[in-house]
Amino acid sequence: MLLLVGLGNPGKAYAGNRHNIGFMALDAIARAANAAPFRKKFQGETSEARVGPDRAILLKPETYMNESGRSVAEAARFHKIALGDIVVLHDELDLAPGKLRVKLGGGHAGHNGLRSIAAHLGADFKRVRLGIGHPGDKKLVHAYVLSDFAKAERPWVETLCDCVAQNIDLLASGDDSLFQTRAHLAMAAAGFAT
């Protein structure tokens, strides 16, 4: 069983924020997999779906970004999911908008959601890093990640989330490289250079 976690902040005020692209990607996965409706559990919203041959728990923590680890740890312990079977989808400042990279383990690079999960469970979980770009100055980062995607950005955001959803079975089967390649090819085919 997999635990697919989308990171973001709960509530309508944050729904369109760059920081919430993890929620957006998880919603796209849920739609593509015809997942059960989300319900409140594990200090978040959860659903279940088939991802390839595997059963997957979909989780959107509602603890706010900085405390995401509480929700993820609760769900992982309840379902006895190993750290290596946890996939976290999150915003990545260090990747250009529309880029995607998969990484196993590592540091948190200042991302409070990743920091919280690592503090509760350890760092050796898989990350799907969804590029949102950098505002250019470290002082601007906080306001940038908590601002909404511009209307002109929404097409690439939706396409990237759909690419993740359409290829998530490859990630579930451990073919991270092909997952990345297919997502990049689909983005390029849609007219978004990656």
N, C-alpha and C. Protein backbone atom coordinates (compact mmCIF):
# COMPACT_ATOMS: atom_id res chain seq x y z
N MET A 1 0.84 -1.19 0.00
CA MET A 1 0.00 0.00 0.00
C MET A 1 0.88 1.24 0.00
N LEU A 2 0.45 2.26 -0.73
CA LEU A 2 1.15 3.53 -0.79
C LEU A 2 0.40 4.59 -0.01
N LEU A 3 1.14 5.55 0.49
CA LEU A 3 0.54 6.74 1.07
C LEU A 3 0.98 7.92 0.19
N LEU A 4 0.05 8.48 -0.56
CA LEU A 4 0.32 9.63 -1.42
C LEU A 4 -0.14 10.88 -0.68
N VAL A 5 0.80 11.78 -0.41
CA VAL A 5 0.53 12.97 0.38
C VAL A 5 0.71 14.21 -0.48
N GLY A 6 -0.31 15.03 -0.55
CA GLY A 6 -0.19 16.34 -1.19
C GLY A 6 -0.04 17.38 -0.11
N LEU A 7 0.96 18.27 -0.24
CA LEU A 7 1.16 19.29 0.78
C LEU A 7 0.51 20.60 0.36
N GLY A 8 -0.03 21.29 1.36
CA GLY A 8 -0.66 22.58 1.15
C GLY A 8 -1.22 23.07 2.46
N ASN A 9 -1.96 24.14 2.40
CA ASN A 9 -2.65 24.70 3.56
C ASN A 9 -4.15 24.58 3.33
N PRO A 10 -4.92 24.24 4.39
CA PRO A 10 -6.36 24.06 4.22
C PRO A 10 -7.12 25.38 4.10
N GLY A 11 -8.28 25.31 3.50
CA GLY A 11 -9.17 26.46 3.44
C GLY A 11 -9.15 27.17 2.10
N LYS A 12 -10.26 27.85 1.81
CA LYS A 12 -10.42 28.53 0.52
C LYS A 12 -9.41 29.65 0.32
N ALA A 13 -9.00 30.29 1.40
CA ALA A 13 -8.06 31.41 1.28
C ALA A 13 -6.73 30.98 0.67
N TYR A 14 -6.37 29.72 0.86
CA TYR A 14 -5.08 29.21 0.37
C TYR A 14 -5.20 28.37 -0.90
N ALA A 15 -6.40 28.07 -1.32
CA ALA A 15 -6.63 27.08 -2.37
C ALA A 15 -5.82 27.30 -3.64
N GLY A 16 -5.65 28.55 -4.06
CA GLY A 16 -4.92 28.83 -5.30
C GLY A 16 -3.45 29.18 -5.12
N ASN A 17 -2.95 29.07 -3.89
CA ASN A 17 -1.56 29.43 -3.58
C ASN A 17 -0.55 28.50 -4.25
N ARG A 18 0.61 29.05 -4.56
CA ARG A 18 1.71 28.24 -5.08
C ARG A 18 2.08 27.12 -4.10
N HIS A 19 2.01 27.43 -2.81
CA HIS A 19 2.33 26.45 -1.77
C HIS A 19 1.39 25.25 -1.81
N ASN A 20 0.24 25.38 -2.47
CA ASN A 20 -0.78 24.33 -2.48
C ASN A 20 -0.75 23.46 -3.73
N ILE A 21 0.30 23.53 -4.52
CA ILE A 21 0.34 22.72 -5.74
C ILE A 21 0.33 21.22 -5.41
N GLY A 22 0.80 20.85 -4.23
CA GLY A 22 0.72 19.45 -3.81
C GLY A 22 -0.72 18.99 -3.65
N PHE A 23 -1.56 19.83 -3.05
CA PHE A 23 -3.00 19.54 -2.94
C PHE A 23 -3.60 19.41 -4.34
N MET A 24 -3.23 20.34 -5.23
CA MET A 24 -3.78 20.35 -6.59
C MET A 24 -3.43 19.07 -7.33
N ALA A 25 -2.18 18.62 -7.20
CA ALA A 25 -1.74 17.39 -7.86
C ALA A 25 -2.47 16.18 -7.28
N LEU A 26 -2.66 16.15 -5.96
CA LEU A 26 -3.36 15.03 -5.33
C LEU A 26 -4.82 15.00 -5.78
N ASP A 27 -5.44 16.16 -5.90
CA ASP A 27 -6.82 16.22 -6.41
C ASP A 27 -6.90 15.67 -7.84
N ALA A 28 -5.89 15.98 -8.65
CA ALA A 28 -5.86 15.46 -10.03
C ALA A 28 -5.72 13.94 -10.03
N ILE A 29 -4.90 13.41 -9.12
CA ILE A 29 -4.74 11.95 -8.99
C ILE A 29 -6.08 11.34 -8.59
N ALA A 30 -6.75 11.95 -7.62
CA ALA A 30 -8.04 11.43 -7.15
C ALA A 30 -9.06 11.40 -8.29
N ARG A 31 -9.11 12.47 -9.10
CA ARG A 31 -10.05 12.50 -10.22
C ARG A 31 -9.72 11.42 -11.25
N ALA A 32 -8.45 11.30 -11.61
CA ALA A 32 -8.03 10.32 -12.63
C ALA A 32 -8.27 8.89 -12.18
N ALA A 33 -8.16 8.64 -10.88
CA ALA A 33 -8.31 7.28 -10.35
C ALA A 33 -9.73 6.99 -9.90
N ASN A 34 -10.66 7.94 -10.11
CA ASN A 34 -12.02 7.78 -9.62
C ASN A 34 -12.03 7.38 -8.14
N ALA A 35 -11.25 8.11 -7.38
CA ALA A 35 -11.11 7.82 -5.94
C ALA A 35 -12.42 8.10 -5.21
N ALA A 36 -12.55 7.45 -4.07
CA ALA A 36 -13.69 7.72 -3.20
C ALA A 36 -13.64 9.17 -2.75
N PRO A 37 -14.79 9.75 -2.38
CA PRO A 37 -14.77 11.14 -1.90
C PRO A 37 -13.85 11.29 -0.68
N PHE A 38 -13.21 12.45 -0.58
CA PHE A 38 -12.35 12.72 0.58
C PHE A 38 -13.21 12.84 1.82
N ARG A 39 -12.65 12.36 2.95
CA ARG A 39 -13.34 12.48 4.23
C ARG A 39 -12.32 12.85 5.29
N LYS A 40 -12.78 13.36 6.39
CA LYS A 40 -11.90 13.81 7.48
C LYS A 40 -11.35 12.61 8.24
N LYS A 41 -10.04 12.55 8.34
CA LYS A 41 -9.37 11.49 9.10
C LYS A 41 -7.90 11.84 9.18
N PHE A 42 -7.23 11.41 10.22
CA PHE A 42 -5.78 11.61 10.39
C PHE A 42 -5.41 13.10 10.35
N GLN A 43 -6.23 13.95 10.93
CA GLN A 43 -5.98 15.39 10.93
C GLN A 43 -5.84 15.93 9.50
N GLY A 44 -6.60 15.34 8.60
CA GLY A 44 -6.54 15.75 7.21
C GLY A 44 -7.76 15.26 6.46
N GLU A 45 -7.67 15.31 5.15
CA GLU A 45 -8.69 14.74 4.28
C GLU A 45 -8.08 13.54 3.58
N THR A 46 -8.77 12.41 3.62
CA THR A 46 -8.23 11.18 3.02
C THR A 46 -9.22 10.57 2.05
N SER A 47 -8.65 9.79 1.15
CA SER A 47 -9.43 9.01 0.21
C SER A 47 -8.62 7.75 -0.09
N GLU A 48 -9.23 6.83 -0.81
CA GLU A 48 -8.51 5.64 -1.27
C GLU A 48 -8.72 5.49 -2.76
N ALA A 49 -7.69 4.93 -3.41
CA ALA A 49 -7.77 4.73 -4.85
C ALA A 49 -6.83 3.59 -5.24
N ARG A 50 -7.03 3.09 -6.44
CA ARG A 50 -6.09 2.14 -7.04
C ARG A 50 -5.11 2.95 -7.87
N VAL A 51 -3.84 2.70 -7.66
CA VAL A 51 -2.78 3.33 -8.43
C VAL A 51 -1.97 2.19 -9.02
N GLY A 52 -2.21 1.93 -10.31
CA GLY A 52 -1.63 0.73 -10.91
C GLY A 52 -2.24 -0.46 -10.18
N PRO A 53 -1.41 -1.44 -9.81
CA PRO A 53 -1.93 -2.61 -9.11
C PRO A 53 -2.10 -2.39 -7.61
N ASP A 54 -1.63 -1.25 -7.12
CA ASP A 54 -1.59 -1.01 -5.68
C ASP A 54 -2.78 -0.21 -5.17
N ARG A 55 -3.10 -0.46 -3.91
CA ARG A 55 -4.07 0.36 -3.20
C ARG A 55 -3.30 1.55 -2.64
N ALA A 56 -3.85 2.73 -2.73
CA ALA A 56 -3.19 3.92 -2.23
C ALA A 56 -4.12 4.71 -1.33
N ILE A 57 -3.56 5.24 -0.26
CA ILE A 57 -4.25 6.19 0.59
C ILE A 57 -3.82 7.57 0.10
N LEU A 58 -4.78 8.44 -0.17
CA LEU A 58 -4.50 9.81 -0.57
C LEU A 58 -4.74 10.70 0.65
N LEU A 59 -3.79 11.57 0.95
CA LEU A 59 -3.89 12.38 2.16
C LEU A 59 -3.53 13.83 1.88
N LYS A 60 -4.43 14.73 2.30
CA LYS A 60 -4.15 16.17 2.30
C LYS A 60 -4.19 16.62 3.77
N PRO A 61 -3.01 16.80 4.40
CA PRO A 61 -3.01 17.22 5.81
C PRO A 61 -3.71 18.57 5.98
N GLU A 62 -4.48 18.69 7.05
CA GLU A 62 -5.17 19.95 7.36
C GLU A 62 -4.55 20.62 8.58
N THR A 63 -3.33 20.26 8.88
CA THR A 63 -2.62 20.79 10.05
C THR A 63 -1.84 22.05 9.71
N TYR A 64 -2.01 22.57 8.51
CA TYR A 64 -1.20 23.63 7.93
C TYR A 64 0.19 23.07 7.63
N MET A 65 0.83 23.70 6.68
CA MET A 65 2.09 23.20 6.13
C MET A 65 3.11 22.85 7.22
N ASN A 66 3.29 23.76 8.19
CA ASN A 66 4.36 23.59 9.18
C ASN A 66 4.18 22.39 10.09
N GLU A 67 2.98 21.83 10.15
CA GLU A 67 2.71 20.67 11.02
C GLU A 67 2.25 19.46 10.21
N SER A 68 2.57 19.41 8.93
CA SER A 68 2.14 18.31 8.06
C SER A 68 2.54 16.94 8.60
N GLY A 69 3.68 16.87 9.24
CA GLY A 69 4.19 15.59 9.74
C GLY A 69 3.26 14.91 10.72
N ARG A 70 2.51 15.67 11.50
CA ARG A 70 1.58 15.07 12.46
C ARG A 70 0.55 14.21 11.74
N SER A 71 -0.04 14.76 10.69
CA SER A 71 -1.06 14.07 9.92
C SER A 71 -0.46 12.87 9.17
N VAL A 72 0.66 13.08 8.52
CA VAL A 72 1.30 12.01 7.73
C VAL A 72 1.70 10.86 8.65
N ALA A 73 2.29 11.16 9.80
CA ALA A 73 2.72 10.12 10.74
C ALA A 73 1.53 9.32 11.26
N GLU A 74 0.43 10.01 11.55
CA GLU A 74 -0.78 9.32 12.05
C GLU A 74 -1.31 8.35 11.01
N ALA A 75 -1.40 8.78 9.76
CA ALA A 75 -1.91 7.91 8.69
C ALA A 75 -0.95 6.74 8.43
N ALA A 76 0.35 7.02 8.41
CA ALA A 76 1.34 5.97 8.15
C ALA A 76 1.32 4.91 9.24
N ARG A 77 1.22 5.33 10.48
CA ARG A 77 1.19 4.37 11.60
C ARG A 77 -0.09 3.55 11.60
N PHE A 78 -1.22 4.20 11.36
CA PHE A 78 -2.49 3.49 11.36
C PHE A 78 -2.50 2.40 10.29
N HIS A 79 -2.02 2.71 9.10
CA HIS A 79 -2.04 1.76 7.99
C HIS A 79 -0.76 0.92 7.89
N LYS A 80 0.17 1.14 8.84
CA LYS A 80 1.45 0.39 8.86
C LYS A 80 2.19 0.52 7.51
N ILE A 81 2.30 1.77 7.04
CA ILE A 81 2.96 2.05 5.77
C ILE A 81 4.41 2.42 6.04
N ALA A 82 5.31 1.72 5.40
CA ALA A 82 6.74 1.96 5.57
C ALA A 82 7.12 3.31 4.97
N LEU A 83 8.17 3.90 5.49
CA LEU A 83 8.64 5.20 5.02
C LEU A 83 8.91 5.20 3.52
N GLY A 84 9.44 4.10 3.01
CA GLY A 84 9.74 3.99 1.58
C GLY A 84 8.51 3.92 0.69
N ASP A 85 7.32 3.73 1.29
CA ASP A 85 6.07 3.68 0.54
C ASP A 85 5.25 4.97 0.69
N ILE A 86 5.91 6.03 1.17
CA ILE A 86 5.27 7.33 1.29
C ILE A 86 5.80 8.23 0.17
N VAL A 87 4.88 8.83 -0.58
CA VAL A 87 5.24 9.75 -1.67
C VAL A 87 4.62 11.10 -1.34
N VAL A 88 5.46 12.13 -1.25
CA VAL A 88 5.00 13.47 -0.91
C VAL A 88 5.12 14.38 -2.13
N LEU A 89 4.01 14.98 -2.52
CA LEU A 89 3.98 15.92 -3.65
C LEU A 89 3.99 17.34 -3.08
N HIS A 90 4.97 18.15 -3.50
CA HIS A 90 5.12 19.47 -2.90
C HIS A 90 5.68 20.49 -3.87
N ASP A 91 5.50 21.75 -3.52
CA ASP A 91 6.03 22.87 -4.30
C ASP A 91 7.55 22.92 -4.14
N GLU A 92 8.23 23.33 -5.20
CA GLU A 92 9.69 23.41 -5.18
C GLU A 92 10.16 24.72 -5.80
N LEU A 93 10.71 25.59 -4.96
CA LEU A 93 11.22 26.89 -5.41
C LEU A 93 12.41 26.76 -6.34
N ASP A 94 13.22 25.72 -6.14
CA ASP A 94 14.47 25.59 -6.89
C ASP A 94 14.30 24.95 -8.26
N LEU A 95 13.07 24.72 -8.68
CA LEU A 95 12.80 24.23 -10.03
C LEU A 95 11.98 25.27 -10.77
N ALA A 96 12.27 25.42 -12.05
CA ALA A 96 11.50 26.36 -12.88
C ALA A 96 10.04 25.95 -12.92
N PRO A 97 9.14 26.90 -13.11
CA PRO A 97 7.71 26.57 -13.19
C PRO A 97 7.44 25.49 -14.24
N GLY A 98 6.70 24.45 -13.83
CA GLY A 98 6.34 23.38 -14.74
C GLY A 98 7.32 22.21 -14.76
N LYS A 99 8.48 22.37 -14.15
CA LYS A 99 9.44 21.26 -14.07
C LYS A 99 9.01 20.32 -12.95
N LEU A 100 9.47 19.09 -13.05
CA LEU A 100 9.14 18.07 -12.05
C LEU A 100 10.38 17.21 -11.83
N ARG A 101 10.65 16.87 -10.60
CA ARG A 101 11.75 15.96 -10.29
C ARG A 101 11.29 15.03 -9.16
N VAL A 102 11.78 13.79 -9.20
CA VAL A 102 11.52 12.82 -8.15
C VAL A 102 12.81 12.62 -7.38
N LYS A 103 12.69 12.57 -6.07
CA LYS A 103 13.87 12.42 -5.22
C LYS A 103 13.51 11.52 -4.05
N LEU A 104 14.42 10.66 -3.67
CA LEU A 104 14.23 9.82 -2.48
C LEU A 104 15.11 10.36 -1.37
N GLY A 105 14.49 10.73 -0.26
CA GLY A 105 15.23 11.21 0.89
C GLY A 105 15.86 12.56 0.64
N GLY A 106 16.76 12.93 1.55
CA GLY A 106 17.46 14.19 1.44
C GLY A 106 16.97 15.19 2.47
N GLY A 107 17.46 16.42 2.32
CA GLY A 107 17.10 17.48 3.25
C GLY A 107 15.77 18.10 2.91
N HIS A 108 15.45 19.15 3.64
CA HIS A 108 14.16 19.82 3.41
C HIS A 108 14.32 21.14 2.68
N ALA A 109 15.55 21.63 2.51
CA ALA A 109 15.83 22.88 1.77
C ALA A 109 14.93 24.04 2.22
N GLY A 110 14.64 24.10 3.51
CA GLY A 110 13.82 25.19 4.04
C GLY A 110 12.33 25.00 3.90
N HIS A 111 11.90 23.87 3.32
CA HIS A 111 10.46 23.62 3.14
C HIS A 111 9.91 23.08 4.46
N ASN A 112 9.03 23.85 5.09
CA ASN A 112 8.54 23.49 6.42
C ASN A 112 7.69 22.23 6.44
N GLY A 113 6.98 21.94 5.37
CA GLY A 113 6.21 20.70 5.30
C GLY A 113 7.11 19.49 5.31
N LEU A 114 8.16 19.52 4.50
CA LEU A 114 9.13 18.42 4.47
C LEU A 114 9.85 18.30 5.81
N ARG A 115 10.21 19.43 6.39
CA ARG A 115 10.88 19.44 7.69
C ARG A 115 10.02 18.73 8.74
N SER A 116 8.73 19.04 8.75
CA SER A 116 7.82 18.45 9.72
C SER A 116 7.67 16.94 9.52
N ILE A 117 7.54 16.51 8.28
CA ILE A 117 7.41 15.07 8.01
C ILE A 117 8.68 14.35 8.43
N ALA A 118 9.84 14.90 8.09
CA ALA A 118 11.12 14.29 8.47
C ALA A 118 11.26 14.22 9.99
N ALA A 119 10.81 15.24 10.70
CA ALA A 119 10.90 15.25 12.16
C ALA A 119 10.04 14.16 12.79
N HIS A 120 8.90 13.85 12.17
CA HIS A 120 7.99 12.84 12.72
C HIS A 120 8.30 11.42 12.27
N LEU A 121 8.86 11.27 11.07
CA LEU A 121 9.02 9.93 10.50
C LEU A 121 10.43 9.60 10.02
N GLY A 122 11.25 10.58 9.78
CA GLY A 122 12.54 10.37 9.13
C GLY A 122 12.48 10.93 7.72
N ALA A 123 13.64 11.05 7.09
CA ALA A 123 13.72 11.76 5.80
C ALA A 123 13.67 10.86 4.58
N ASP A 124 13.66 9.56 4.74
CA ASP A 124 13.79 8.66 3.59
C ASP A 124 12.46 8.32 2.91
N PHE A 125 11.68 9.34 2.64
CA PHE A 125 10.45 9.18 1.87
C PHE A 125 10.68 9.77 0.48
N LYS A 126 9.83 9.36 -0.46
CA LYS A 126 9.96 9.84 -1.84
C LYS A 126 9.26 11.20 -1.96
N ARG A 127 9.89 12.09 -2.72
CA ARG A 127 9.32 13.42 -2.95
C ARG A 127 9.10 13.64 -4.45
N VAL A 128 7.96 14.17 -4.81
CA VAL A 128 7.72 14.64 -6.17
C VAL A 128 7.76 16.15 -6.07
N ARG A 129 8.84 16.72 -6.57
CA ARG A 129 9.11 18.16 -6.47
C ARG A 129 8.48 18.85 -7.68
N LEU A 130 7.50 19.69 -7.43
CA LEU A 130 6.75 20.37 -8.49
C LEU A 130 7.22 21.82 -8.57
N GLY A 131 7.91 22.16 -9.65
CA GLY A 131 8.53 23.46 -9.78
C GLY A 131 7.54 24.61 -9.84
N ILE A 132 7.78 25.61 -8.98
CA ILE A 132 6.96 26.83 -9.00
C ILE A 132 7.83 28.06 -9.29
N GLY A 133 9.15 27.85 -9.41
CA GLY A 133 10.05 28.97 -9.65
C GLY A 133 10.35 29.72 -8.36
N HIS A 134 11.30 30.63 -8.43
CA HIS A 134 11.76 31.41 -7.27
C HIS A 134 11.51 32.88 -7.55
N PRO A 135 11.11 33.66 -6.56
CA PRO A 135 10.86 35.08 -6.80
C PRO A 135 12.13 35.90 -7.04
N GLY A 136 13.31 35.30 -6.81
CA GLY A 136 14.56 35.99 -7.09
C GLY A 136 15.25 36.57 -5.88
N ASP A 137 14.54 36.73 -4.79
CA ASP A 137 15.11 37.28 -3.56
C ASP A 137 14.55 36.47 -2.38
N LYS A 138 15.45 36.01 -1.52
CA LYS A 138 15.04 35.18 -0.39
C LYS A 138 13.99 35.87 0.49
N LYS A 139 14.08 37.20 0.58
CA LYS A 139 13.13 37.96 1.41
C LYS A 139 11.70 37.90 0.86
N LEU A 140 11.57 37.58 -0.41
CA LEU A 140 10.25 37.56 -1.05
C LEU A 140 9.59 36.18 -1.03
N VAL A 141 10.32 35.16 -0.58
CA VAL A 141 9.84 33.77 -0.68
C VAL A 141 8.52 33.56 0.06
N HIS A 142 8.41 34.02 1.29
CA HIS A 142 7.21 33.76 2.10
C HIS A 142 5.96 34.30 1.39
N ALA A 143 6.02 35.55 0.95
CA ALA A 143 4.87 36.14 0.26
C ALA A 143 4.61 35.44 -1.08
N TYR A 144 5.67 35.03 -1.74
CA TYR A 144 5.54 34.37 -3.05
C TYR A 144 4.81 33.04 -2.94
N VAL A 145 5.23 32.18 -2.01
CA VAL A 145 4.59 30.86 -1.92
C VAL A 145 3.15 30.96 -1.43
N LEU A 146 2.83 32.02 -0.68
CA LEU A 146 1.47 32.19 -0.18
C LEU A 146 0.62 33.07 -1.09
N SER A 147 1.13 33.36 -2.29
CA SER A 147 0.32 34.09 -3.27
C SER A 147 -0.25 33.10 -4.28
N ASP A 148 -1.36 33.48 -4.88
CA ASP A 148 -2.01 32.61 -5.86
C ASP A 148 -1.24 32.58 -7.18
N PHE A 149 -1.36 31.46 -7.87
CA PHE A 149 -0.87 31.41 -9.23
C PHE A 149 -1.64 32.45 -10.04
N ALA A 150 -0.94 33.15 -10.92
CA ALA A 150 -1.59 34.12 -11.79
C ALA A 150 -2.48 33.38 -12.80
N LYS A 151 -3.46 34.08 -13.32
CA LYS A 151 -4.37 33.47 -14.30
C LYS A 151 -3.59 32.88 -15.48
N ALA A 152 -2.54 33.58 -15.91
CA ALA A 152 -1.73 33.11 -17.04
C ALA A 152 -0.94 31.84 -16.71
N GLU A 153 -0.71 31.57 -15.41
CA GLU A 153 0.03 30.37 -15.00
C GLU A 153 -0.86 29.13 -14.88
N ARG A 154 -2.13 29.33 -14.74
CA ARG A 154 -3.03 28.20 -14.47
C ARG A 154 -2.99 27.09 -15.51
N PRO A 155 -2.85 27.39 -16.81
CA PRO A 155 -2.78 26.29 -17.78
C PRO A 155 -1.60 25.34 -17.55
N TRP A 156 -0.40 25.87 -17.24
CA TRP A 156 0.71 24.94 -17.01
C TRP A 156 0.56 24.20 -15.68
N VAL A 157 -0.04 24.87 -14.69
CA VAL A 157 -0.26 24.21 -13.39
C VAL A 157 -1.21 23.02 -13.57
N GLU A 158 -2.32 23.25 -14.27
CA GLU A 158 -3.30 22.17 -14.50
C GLU A 158 -2.69 21.05 -15.34
N THR A 159 -1.91 21.41 -16.35
CA THR A 159 -1.28 20.39 -17.19
C THR A 159 -0.28 19.58 -16.40
N LEU A 160 0.52 20.23 -15.57
CA LEU A 160 1.50 19.51 -14.74
C LEU A 160 0.80 18.55 -13.79
N CYS A 161 -0.25 19.01 -13.14
CA CYS A 161 -1.00 18.14 -12.21
C CYS A 161 -1.63 16.96 -12.94
N ASP A 162 -2.16 17.21 -14.14
CA ASP A 162 -2.72 16.11 -14.94
C ASP A 162 -1.64 15.13 -15.38
N CYS A 163 -0.45 15.63 -15.72
CA CYS A 163 0.67 14.75 -16.10
C CYS A 163 1.05 13.84 -14.94
N VAL A 164 1.08 14.40 -13.74
CA VAL A 164 1.37 13.60 -12.55
C VAL A 164 0.32 12.51 -12.40
N ALA A 165 -0.95 12.90 -12.50
CA ALA A 165 -2.05 11.95 -12.31
C ALA A 165 -2.03 10.84 -13.36
N GLN A 166 -1.77 11.19 -14.61
CA GLN A 166 -1.81 10.19 -15.69
C GLN A 166 -0.65 9.20 -15.63
N ASN A 167 0.42 9.56 -14.91
CA ASN A 167 1.61 8.70 -14.87
C ASN A 167 1.95 8.19 -13.49
N ILE A 168 1.06 8.41 -12.52
CA ILE A 168 1.36 8.06 -11.13
C ILE A 168 1.58 6.55 -10.96
N ASP A 169 0.97 5.74 -11.83
CA ASP A 169 1.18 4.29 -11.72
C ASP A 169 2.65 3.92 -11.93
N LEU A 170 3.37 4.68 -12.77
CA LEU A 170 4.80 4.43 -12.98
C LEU A 170 5.58 4.70 -11.70
N LEU A 171 5.23 5.76 -11.01
CA LEU A 171 5.88 6.09 -9.75
C LEU A 171 5.58 5.01 -8.71
N ALA A 172 4.35 4.55 -8.69
CA ALA A 172 3.95 3.50 -7.75
C ALA A 172 4.71 2.21 -7.99
N SER A 173 5.03 1.92 -9.26
CA SER A 173 5.76 0.68 -9.56
C SER A 173 7.27 0.85 -9.43
N GLY A 174 7.72 2.05 -9.04
CA GLY A 174 9.15 2.27 -8.80
C GLY A 174 9.92 2.78 -10.00
N ASP A 175 9.22 3.08 -11.09
CA ASP A 175 9.91 3.56 -12.29
C ASP A 175 9.93 5.10 -12.29
N ASP A 176 10.70 5.66 -11.34
CA ASP A 176 10.75 7.11 -11.17
C ASP A 176 11.25 7.82 -12.42
N SER A 177 12.24 7.24 -13.07
CA SER A 177 12.84 7.86 -14.25
C SER A 177 11.82 7.98 -15.39
N LEU A 178 11.09 6.90 -15.66
CA LEU A 178 10.08 6.94 -16.72
C LEU A 178 8.94 7.88 -16.35
N PHE A 179 8.57 7.92 -15.08
CA PHE A 179 7.55 8.86 -14.59
C PHE A 179 7.96 10.30 -14.93
N GLN A 180 9.20 10.66 -14.60
CA GLN A 180 9.71 12.00 -14.90
C GLN A 180 9.71 12.27 -16.39
N THR A 181 10.21 11.31 -17.16
CA THR A 181 10.31 11.48 -18.62
C THR A 181 8.94 11.69 -19.24
N ARG A 182 7.98 10.84 -18.86
CA ARG A 182 6.64 10.96 -19.44
C ARG A 182 5.99 12.29 -19.08
N ALA A 183 6.18 12.72 -17.84
CA ALA A 183 5.62 14.00 -17.44
C ALA A 183 6.24 15.14 -18.23
N HIS A 184 7.55 15.10 -18.41
CA HIS A 184 8.22 16.16 -19.18
C HIS A 184 7.79 16.14 -20.65
N LEU A 185 7.65 14.96 -21.23
CA LEU A 185 7.21 14.87 -22.61
C LEU A 185 5.79 15.39 -22.77
N ALA A 186 4.93 15.06 -21.82
CA ALA A 186 3.54 15.54 -21.89
C ALA A 186 3.48 17.06 -21.74
N MET A 187 4.31 17.61 -20.87
CA MET A 187 4.35 19.07 -20.72
C MET A 187 4.82 19.73 -22.02
N ALA A 188 5.87 19.15 -22.62
CA ALA A 188 6.39 19.70 -23.87
C ALA A 188 5.35 19.60 -24.99
N ALA A 189 4.64 18.45 -25.06
CA ALA A 189 3.62 18.27 -26.08
C ALA A 189 2.48 19.26 -25.91
N ALA A 190 2.24 19.68 -24.68
CA ALA A 190 1.18 20.66 -24.43
C ALA A 190 1.66 22.10 -24.66
N GLY A 191 2.92 22.24 -25.05
CA GLY A 191 3.45 23.56 -25.36
C GLY A 191 4.12 24.26 -24.22
N PHE A 192 4.42 23.52 -23.14
CA PHE A 192 5.12 24.09 -21.99
C PHE A 192 6.53 23.52 -21.97
N ALA A 193 7.51 24.35 -22.30
CA ALA A 193 8.91 23.90 -22.33
C ALA A 193 9.34 23.50 -20.93
N THR A 194 10.00 22.36 -20.83
CA THR A 194 10.50 21.91 -19.52
C THR A 194 11.97 21.58 -19.60
